[in-house]
C-alpha atoms as a PDB file:
ATOM      1  CA  MET A   1     -11.919  79.499  86.859  1.00  0.00           C
ATOM      2  CA  ALA A   2      -8.960  78.291  84.973  1.00  0.00           C
ATOM      3  CA  VAL A   3      -6.017  80.353  84.251  1.00  0.00           C
ATOM      4  CA  ALA A   4      -6.519  81.561  80.529  1.00  0.00           C
ATOM      5  CA  HIS A   5      -3.541  81.178  77.979  1.00  0.00           C
ATOM      6  CA  LEU A   6      -3.539  84.290  76.320  1.00  0.00           C
ATOM      7  CA  ASN A   7      -2.134  85.520  72.961  1.00  0.00           C
ATOM      8  CA  ASN A   8      -2.169  88.723  70.998  1.00  0.00           C
ATOM      9  CA  GLU A   9      -5.939  88.120  69.846  1.00  0.00           C
ATOM     10  CA  THR A  10      -7.300  87.264  73.277  1.00  0.00           C
ATOM     11  CA  PHE A  11      -5.178  89.636  75.427  1.00  0.00           C
ATOM     12  CA  LYS A  12      -7.120  92.853  75.051  1.00  0.00           C
ATOM     13  CA  GLU A  13     -10.597  90.942  75.569  1.00  0.00           C
ATOM     14  CA  MET A  14      -9.092  89.582  78.842  1.00  0.00           C
ATOM     15  CA  THR A  15      -7.984  92.853  80.138  1.00  0.00           C
ATOM     16  CA  SER A  16     -10.361  95.457  78.786  1.00  0.00           C
ATOM     17  CA  GLU A  17     -12.911  95.339  81.672  1.00  0.00           C
ATOM     18  CA  GLY A  18     -12.522  94.761  85.460  1.00  0.00           C
ATOM     19  CA  ILE A  19      -9.486  93.382  87.153  1.00  0.00           C
ATOM     20  CA  ALA A  20      -6.981  91.224  85.426  1.00  0.00           C
ATOM     21  CA  LEU A  21      -3.721  89.720  86.678  1.00  0.00           C
ATOM     22  CA  ILE A  22      -1.426  88.583  83.632  1.00  0.00           C
ATOM     23  CA  ASP A  23       1.647  86.346  84.181  1.00  0.00           C
ATOM     24  CA  PHE A  24       4.428  86.901  81.721  1.00  0.00           C
ATOM     25  CA  TRP A  25       6.513  83.607  81.618  1.00  0.00           C
ATOM     26  CA  ALA A  26       8.395  81.246  79.546  1.00  0.00           C
ATOM     27  CA  GLU A  27       8.728  77.383  79.777  1.00  0.00           C
ATOM     28  CA  TRP A  28      12.544  77.469  80.155  1.00  0.00           C
ATOM     29  CA  CYS A  29      12.323  79.842  83.180  1.00  0.00           C
ATOM     30  CA  MET A  30      12.910  78.140  86.474  1.00  0.00           C
ATOM     31  CA  PRO A  31      11.473  80.982  88.462  1.00  0.00           C
ATOM     32  CA  CYS A  32       8.358  80.876  86.265  1.00  0.00           C
ATOM     33  CA  GLN A  33       7.885  77.275  86.789  1.00  0.00           C
ATOM     34  CA  ALA A  34       8.162  77.845  90.627  1.00  0.00           C
ATOM     35  CA  LEU A  35       5.374  80.676  90.332  1.00  0.00           C
ATOM     36  CA  LEU A  36       3.200  78.425  88.360  1.00  0.00           C
ATOM     37  CA  PRO A  37       1.282  76.860  91.467  1.00  0.00           C
ATOM     38  CA  VAL A  38       0.716  80.302  92.898  1.00  0.00           C
ATOM     39  CA  ILE A  39      -0.758  81.438  89.624  1.00  0.00           C
ATOM     40  CA  GLU A  40      -3.019  78.370  89.385  1.00  0.00           C
ATOM     41  CA  GLU A  41      -4.185  78.857  92.939  1.00  0.00           C
ATOM     42  CA  LEU A  42      -4.959  82.611  92.193  1.00  0.00           C
ATOM     43  CA  GLY A  43      -6.999  81.409  89.298  1.00  0.00           C
ATOM     44  CA  GLN A  44      -9.260  79.526  91.500  1.00  0.00           C
ATOM     45  CA  SER A  45      -9.387  81.841  94.544  1.00  0.00           C
ATOM     46  CA  LEU A  46      -9.898  85.080  92.372  1.00  0.00           C
ATOM     47  CA  GLU A  47     -12.948  83.665  90.573  1.00  0.00           C
ATOM     48  CA  GLY A  48     -15.591  86.371  90.249  1.00  0.00           C
ATOM     49  CA  VAL A  49     -13.179  88.873  91.425  1.00  0.00           C
ATOM     50  CA  ALA A  50     -10.292  89.035  88.903  1.00  0.00           C
ATOM     51  CA  LYS A  51      -9.260  87.341  85.710  1.00  0.00           C
ATOM     52  CA  VAL A  52      -6.209  85.421  85.789  1.00  0.00           C
ATOM     53  CA  GLY A  53      -4.151  84.794  82.539  1.00  0.00           C
ATOM     54  CA  LYS A  54      -0.659  83.747  81.223  1.00  0.00           C
ATOM     55  CA  VAL A  55       1.218  84.921  78.378  1.00  0.00           C
ATOM     56  CA  ASN A  56       4.165  82.765  76.905  1.00  0.00           C
ATOM     57  CA  CYS A  57       6.923  85.232  76.145  1.00  0.00           C
ATOM     58  CA  ASP A  58       8.419  83.081  73.539  1.00  0.00           C
ATOM     59  CA  GLU A  59       5.159  82.879  71.624  1.00  0.00           C
ATOM     60  CA  ASN A  60       4.008  86.481  72.073  1.00  0.00           C
ATOM     61  CA  ARG A  61       6.953  88.811  71.436  1.00  0.00           C
ATOM     62  CA  GLU A  62       4.534  91.605  70.565  1.00  0.00           C
ATOM     63  CA  LEU A  63       2.927  91.727  73.904  1.00  0.00           C
ATOM     64  CA  VAL A  64       6.346  91.467  75.463  1.00  0.00           C
ATOM     65  CA  LYS A  65       7.516  94.576  73.618  1.00  0.00           C
ATOM     66  CA  GLU A  66       4.203  96.394  74.311  1.00  0.00           C
ATOM     67  CA  PHE A  67       4.315  95.882  77.897  1.00  0.00           C
ATOM     68  CA  ARG A  68       8.231  96.155  78.219  1.00  0.00           C
ATOM     69  CA  VAL A  69       8.582  92.982  79.897  1.00  0.00           C
ATOM     70  CA  MET A  70      12.398  93.039  80.681  1.00  0.00           C
ATOM     71  CA  SER A  71      12.528  89.883  83.203  1.00  0.00           C
ATOM     72  CA  ILE A  72      10.430  87.027  83.940  1.00  0.00           C
ATOM     73  CA  PRO A  73       8.118  86.049  85.591  1.00  0.00           C
ATOM     74  CA  THR A  74       6.481  89.349  85.462  1.00  0.00           C
ATOM     75  CA  VAL A  75       2.859  89.731  86.804  1.00  0.00           C
ATOM     76  CA  VAL A  76       0.975  92.806  85.471  1.00  0.00           C
ATOM     77  CA  PHE A  77      -2.208  94.008  87.030  1.00  0.00           C
ATOM     78  CA  PHE A  78      -4.777  95.588  84.761  1.00  0.00           C
ATOM     79  CA  LYS A  79      -8.070  97.560  85.857  1.00  0.00           C
ATOM     80  CA  ASP A  80     -10.373  98.469  82.889  1.00  0.00           C
ATOM     81  CA  GLY A  81      -7.711  98.055  80.281  1.00  0.00           C
ATOM     82  CA  LYS A  82      -4.967  99.937  81.987  1.00  0.00           C
ATOM     83  CA  GLU A  83      -1.894  98.750  83.759  1.00  0.00           C
ATOM     84  CA  VAL A  84      -2.088  99.808  87.277  1.00  0.00           C
ATOM     85  CA  ASN A  85       0.810  97.543  89.028  1.00  0.00           C
ATOM     86  CA  ARG A  86       3.368  94.971  88.316  1.00  0.00           C
ATOM     87  CA  LEU A  87       5.454  92.713  90.168  1.00  0.00           C
ATOM     88  CA  VAL A  88       8.839  91.212  88.858  1.00  0.00           C
ATOM     89  CA  GLY A  89       9.888  88.026  90.288  1.00  0.00           C
ATOM     90  CA  GLY A  90       8.073  85.466  92.266  1.00  0.00           C
ATOM     91  CA  TYR A  91       6.132  86.439  95.483  1.00  0.00           C
ATOM     92  CA  PRO A  92       3.757  84.603  97.966  1.00  0.00           C
ATOM     93  CA  LYS A  93       0.194  84.328  96.917  1.00  0.00           C
ATOM     94  CA  ALA A  94      -0.780  86.836  99.666  1.00  0.00           C
ATOM     95  CA  LYS A  95       1.125  89.653  97.860  1.00  0.00           C
ATOM     96  CA  TYR A  96      -0.947  89.109  94.558  1.00  0.00           C
ATOM     97  CA  LEU A  97      -4.150  88.972  96.645  1.00  0.00           C
ATOM     98  CA  GLU A  98      -3.134  92.285  98.410  1.00  0.00           C
ATOM     99  CA  ILE A  99      -2.844  94.069  95.244  1.00  0.00           C
ATOM    100  CA  VAL A 100      -5.976  92.724  93.679  1.00  0.00           C
ATOM    101  CA  ASP A 101      -7.798  93.748  96.968  1.00  0.00           C
ATOM    102  CA  SER A 102      -6.466  97.373  96.682  1.00  0.00           C
ATOM    103  CA  LEU A 103      -7.919  97.517  93.031  1.00  0.00           C
ATOM    104  CA  LYS A 104     -11.583  96.543  93.985  1.00  0.00           C
END
């Protein structure tokens, strides 16, 4: 499954049911760019287990405010519409998988 690019209209649909991993990022953010291949790999390896999406912080300020994203990259984990965990900064793929596994 490809990584979904989310906005205010599609965000709730993506996070309302099951497990979702959402990357808050910006094009100008070098750590975000470094994390990009990891997020893309997660989109492939988590197919059928969790949804993976990205929120461009410059284009979706309302979501940034709602989820109090203070630094990027920030990856927020949702289960059935509720935030259950978050990681600020870049981590290895295994760390994201560990959190998703704990939510199953």
